[in-house]
């Protein structure tokens, strides 16, 4: 059976630590045309904040995943498809390679069928996630491609996530990374703020993730990025 994310082209990431744009609602995010929702952020994310957003999204008709930077103590079945767990390959802080994951496995009653890893490569040194994980972002194209190949071929990862987090990345690096992958899905996140940026990056990545634009510009702009992604992915 194909993985849930195999057909994702556009995904919206909702940060529980950030307010929605004025007048927007959580329920409306699920009607933008985005393929899935990911709930998560780098800091100040708690189990209770995640749960309150899940309640507000019920009953959404698209899959909802949590990307935890906290340690979940239980699986919330209602409205939640599963967890996407980041493994930051270029982290300089060891817990984000395996330490936090070990502690979660040790202390929680996990349902492993609902837990899926993501091999993150963090590429914006000014981002919160880079600071938090002490990521080495001084990487050229060959470095990024090597990390992606390591993720797929050695670690067996099904998702490789290029995280530029707040800036628009280098499409040439994204394209080279996708070309190097055999079967893993290439997620891209960072700097998608309108139709053109979405279209451009959707031409070189499998799945485009939008996040900041939801909180800063609102749902109408998210819909604009959905159109950009869909037109790029389905151009003749």
Protein backbone atom coordinates (compact mmCIF):
# COMPACT_ATOMS: atom_id res chain seq x y z
CA UNK A 1 0.00 0.00 0.00
CA UNK A 2 1.34 3.44 -0.93
CA UNK A 3 2.39 5.71 1.90
CA UNK A 4 -0.04 8.44 2.92
CA UNK A 5 2.27 11.17 1.62
CA UNK A 6 2.98 9.58 -1.77
CA UNK A 7 0.32 11.72 -3.46
CA UNK A 8 0.87 14.91 -1.48
CA UNK A 9 1.75 17.89 -3.66
CA UNK A 10 0.87 20.74 -1.30
CA UNK A 11 0.86 20.57 2.49
CA UNK A 12 0.06 23.30 5.00
CA UNK A 13 1.96 23.41 8.29
CA UNK A 14 0.12 24.96 11.22
CA UNK A 15 2.28 26.28 14.06
CA UNK A 16 0.42 26.11 17.41
CA UNK A 17 2.72 28.86 18.74
CA UNK A 18 1.51 31.36 16.11
CA UNK A 19 -1.85 33.05 15.74
CA UNK A 20 -3.94 32.68 12.61
CA UNK A 21 -4.39 35.65 10.30
CA UNK A 22 -7.26 37.90 11.30
CA UNK A 23 -10.63 36.37 10.44
CA UNK A 24 -9.26 32.93 9.56
CA UNK A 25 -10.33 29.72 11.28
CA UNK A 26 -8.62 26.37 11.64
CA UNK A 27 -11.53 24.60 9.99
CA UNK A 28 -11.17 26.77 6.87
CA UNK A 29 -7.53 25.74 6.38
CA UNK A 30 -8.67 22.24 5.47
CA UNK A 31 -10.78 23.59 2.60
CA UNK A 32 -7.99 25.43 0.74
CA UNK A 33 -7.19 22.50 -1.57
CA UNK A 34 -4.07 21.55 0.38
CA UNK A 35 -3.51 17.79 0.50
CA UNK A 36 -2.72 17.46 4.20
CA UNK A 37 -2.09 19.41 7.38
CA UNK A 38 0.93 19.13 9.64
CA UNK A 39 0.68 20.56 13.14
CA UNK A 40 4.04 21.54 14.58
CA UNK A 41 6.63 24.19 15.27
CA UNK A 42 10.09 24.62 16.70
CA UNK A 43 9.32 26.08 20.12
CA UNK A 44 6.51 26.35 22.68
CA UNK A 45 4.52 23.47 21.20
CA UNK A 46 2.63 21.49 23.81
CA UNK A 47 0.34 18.52 23.82
CA UNK A 48 -2.58 20.67 24.95
CA UNK A 49 -2.06 23.22 22.16
CA UNK A 50 -1.98 20.43 19.58
CA UNK A 51 -5.11 18.88 21.04
CA UNK A 52 -7.05 22.15 20.93
CA UNK A 53 -6.22 22.63 17.24
CA UNK A 54 -7.22 19.04 16.47
CA UNK A 55 -10.55 19.69 18.12
CA UNK A 56 -11.03 22.83 16.02
CA UNK A 57 -10.22 20.93 12.83
CA UNK A 58 -12.76 18.17 13.44
CA UNK A 59 -14.13 16.90 11.11
CA UNK A 60 -11.56 17.79 8.43
CA UNK A 61 -11.64 15.63 5.32
CA UNK A 62 -7.88 15.65 4.71
CA UNK A 63 -5.20 13.83 6.73
CA UNK A 64 -3.76 15.60 9.76
CA UNK A 65 -0.34 14.70 11.12
CA UNK A 66 1.57 16.05 14.10
CA UNK A 67 5.27 16.86 13.85
CA UNK A 68 6.22 16.79 17.52
CA UNK A 69 8.96 18.88 19.08
CA UNK A 70 7.47 18.01 22.45
CA UNK A 71 7.25 14.48 23.86
CA UNK A 72 3.74 13.13 23.30
CA UNK A 73 2.48 10.89 26.08
CA UNK A 74 -0.43 9.40 24.19
CA UNK A 75 -1.77 9.00 20.68
CA UNK A 76 -4.84 11.12 20.02
CA UNK A 77 -6.88 8.91 17.74
CA UNK A 78 -9.71 11.25 16.90
CA UNK A 79 -8.85 13.42 13.91
CA UNK A 80 -5.17 12.47 13.79
CA UNK A 81 -3.59 10.33 11.06
CA UNK A 82 -0.24 9.94 12.79
CA UNK A 83 3.09 11.51 13.72
CA UNK A 84 5.87 12.71 11.40
CA UNK A 85 9.06 12.66 13.45
CA UNK A 86 12.01 14.82 12.35
CA UNK A 87 15.52 13.39 12.34
CA UNK A 88 17.80 16.36 11.62
CA UNK A 89 20.70 14.85 9.69
CA UNK A 90 22.92 17.94 9.92
CA UNK A 91 22.12 18.71 13.56
CA UNK A 92 25.06 19.64 15.74
CA UNK A 93 22.99 18.91 18.85
CA UNK A 94 22.79 15.09 19.20
CA UNK A 95 19.27 14.88 20.69
CA UNK A 96 17.84 15.89 17.30
CA UNK A 97 19.61 13.00 15.62
CA UNK A 98 18.40 10.28 17.95
CA UNK A 99 18.37 11.31 21.63
CA UNK A 100 14.90 12.83 21.80
CA UNK A 101 13.53 9.94 19.78
CA UNK A 102 15.08 7.41 22.16
CA UNK A 103 13.52 9.15 25.13
CA UNK A 104 10.12 9.22 23.46
CA UNK A 105 10.30 5.51 22.65
CA UNK A 106 11.46 4.74 26.19
CA UNK A 107 8.78 6.70 28.00
CA UNK A 108 5.71 6.52 25.78
CA UNK A 109 3.31 3.80 24.71
CA UNK A 110 3.68 4.32 20.97
CA UNK A 111 1.61 2.85 18.19
CA UNK A 112 4.40 2.40 15.67
CA UNK A 113 2.12 2.06 12.65
CA UNK A 114 1.29 5.74 13.15
CA UNK A 115 4.88 6.98 13.58
CA UNK A 116 6.84 7.97 10.46
CA UNK A 117 10.32 9.54 10.38
CA UNK A 118 11.36 12.49 8.21
CA UNK A 119 15.02 12.99 7.31
CA UNK A 120 15.46 16.75 7.70
CA UNK A 121 18.26 18.77 6.14
CA UNK A 122 18.14 22.28 7.62
CA UNK A 123 19.54 24.93 5.28
CA UNK A 124 18.80 28.39 6.71
CA UNK A 125 21.35 29.23 9.43
CA UNK A 126 19.22 32.16 10.64
CA UNK A 127 16.14 30.03 11.29
CA UNK A 128 14.85 28.99 14.70
CA UNK A 129 15.18 25.33 13.80
CA UNK A 130 18.83 25.78 12.84
CA UNK A 131 19.55 27.52 16.13
CA UNK A 132 17.56 25.00 18.14
CA UNK A 133 19.28 21.98 16.61
CA UNK A 134 22.68 23.69 16.14
CA UNK A 135 22.52 22.62 12.49
CA UNK A 136 25.51 22.91 10.20
CA UNK A 137 23.99 24.84 7.30
CA UNK A 138 27.28 25.55 5.52
CA UNK A 139 26.48 22.98 2.86
CA UNK A 140 26.94 23.05 -0.90
CA UNK A 141 24.87 21.11 -3.43
CA UNK A 142 27.03 17.99 -3.18
CA UNK A 143 26.74 18.01 0.62
CA UNK A 144 22.95 18.22 0.46
CA UNK A 145 22.72 15.49 -2.17
CA UNK A 146 25.00 13.25 -0.09
CA UNK A 147 22.79 13.73 2.98
CA UNK A 148 19.73 12.84 0.91
CA UNK A 149 21.37 9.72 -0.50
CA UNK A 150 22.50 8.70 2.99
CA UNK A 151 18.95 9.16 4.26
CA UNK A 152 17.43 6.99 1.55
CA UNK A 153 20.09 4.38 0.89
CA UNK A 154 21.62 3.87 4.34
CA UNK A 155 18.94 4.96 6.80
CA UNK A 156 16.00 3.74 4.70
CA UNK A 157 14.08 7.00 4.99
CA UNK A 158 10.95 7.44 2.89
CA UNK A 159 10.81 11.23 3.34
CA UNK A 160 13.66 13.67 2.77
CA UNK A 161 12.78 17.20 3.88
CA UNK A 162 14.78 20.22 2.69
CA UNK A 163 13.99 22.89 5.28
CA UNK A 164 14.91 26.46 4.35
CA UNK A 165 12.49 27.75 7.01
CA UNK A 166 11.75 31.38 6.23
CA UNK A 167 13.78 31.92 3.05
CA UNK A 168 13.28 30.76 -0.51
CA UNK A 169 15.82 28.05 -1.25
CA UNK A 170 18.00 27.29 -4.25
CA UNK A 171 15.89 25.47 -6.87
CA UNK A 172 19.05 23.97 -8.40
CA UNK A 173 19.89 22.27 -5.09
CA UNK A 174 16.32 21.06 -4.70
CA UNK A 175 16.27 19.66 -8.25
CA UNK A 176 19.62 17.92 -7.77
CA UNK A 177 18.37 16.36 -4.55
CA UNK A 178 15.21 15.04 -6.17
CA UNK A 179 17.24 13.62 -9.06
CA UNK A 180 19.44 11.75 -6.58
CA UNK A 181 16.51 10.03 -4.87
CA UNK A 182 15.16 6.73 -6.13
CA UNK A 183 11.91 6.40 -4.22
CA UNK A 184 11.92 8.72 -1.22
CA UNK A 185 9.50 11.66 -1.32
CA UNK A 186 11.22 15.05 -1.41
CA UNK A 187 9.52 17.61 0.81
CA UNK A 188 10.49 21.27 0.44
CA UNK A 189 9.73 24.04 2.94
CA UNK A 190 10.76 27.69 3.05
CA UNK A 191 9.82 31.05 1.58
CA UNK A 192 6.69 29.99 -0.30
CA UNK A 193 4.62 33.17 -0.17
CA UNK A 194 2.67 33.44 -3.45
CA UNK A 195 1.69 31.71 -6.70
CA UNK A 196 5.06 32.18 -8.40
CA UNK A 197 7.23 30.90 -5.56
CA UNK A 198 4.95 27.88 -5.15
CA UNK A 199 4.99 27.17 -8.88
CA UNK A 200 8.77 27.46 -9.10
CA UNK A 201 9.52 25.10 -6.23
CA UNK A 202 6.80 22.62 -7.12
CA UNK A 203 8.59 22.18 -10.44
CA UNK A 204 11.62 20.69 -8.65
CA UNK A 205 10.20 19.10 -5.47
CA UNK A 206 7.66 16.34 -4.92
CA UNK A 207 5.81 18.06 -2.08
CA UNK A 208 5.76 21.78 -1.19
CA UNK A 209 5.14 22.74 2.43
CA UNK A 210 3.77 26.18 3.29
CA UNK A 211 3.76 27.48 6.84
CA UNK A 212 4.60 31.10 7.63
CA UNK A 213 2.36 32.39 4.83
CA UNK A 214 -0.67 30.92 6.60
CA UNK A 215 -0.02 32.93 9.75
CA UNK A 216 1.31 36.08 8.09
CA UNK A 217 -0.91 36.47 5.00
CA UNK A 218 -3.84 34.16 5.60
CA UNK A 219 -5.91 31.49 3.95
CA UNK A 220 -6.51 33.30 0.66
CA UNK A 221 -2.77 33.39 0.05
CA UNK A 222 -2.49 29.72 0.97
CA UNK A 223 -5.08 29.04 -1.74
CA UNK A 224 -2.90 30.99 -4.17
CA UNK A 225 0.07 28.74 -3.35
CA UNK A 226 -2.11 25.67 -3.84
CA UNK A 227 -2.92 26.86 -7.36
CA UNK A 228 0.76 27.45 -8.08
CA UNK A 229 1.72 23.96 -6.92
CA UNK A 230 -1.08 22.22 -8.77
CA UNK A 231 -0.37 24.07 -12.03
CA UNK A 232 3.32 23.20 -11.81
CA UNK A 233 2.72 19.55 -11.00
CA UNK A 234 0.11 19.06 -13.71
CA UNK A 235 1.49 21.19 -16.53
CA UNK A 236 1.43 19.48 -19.90
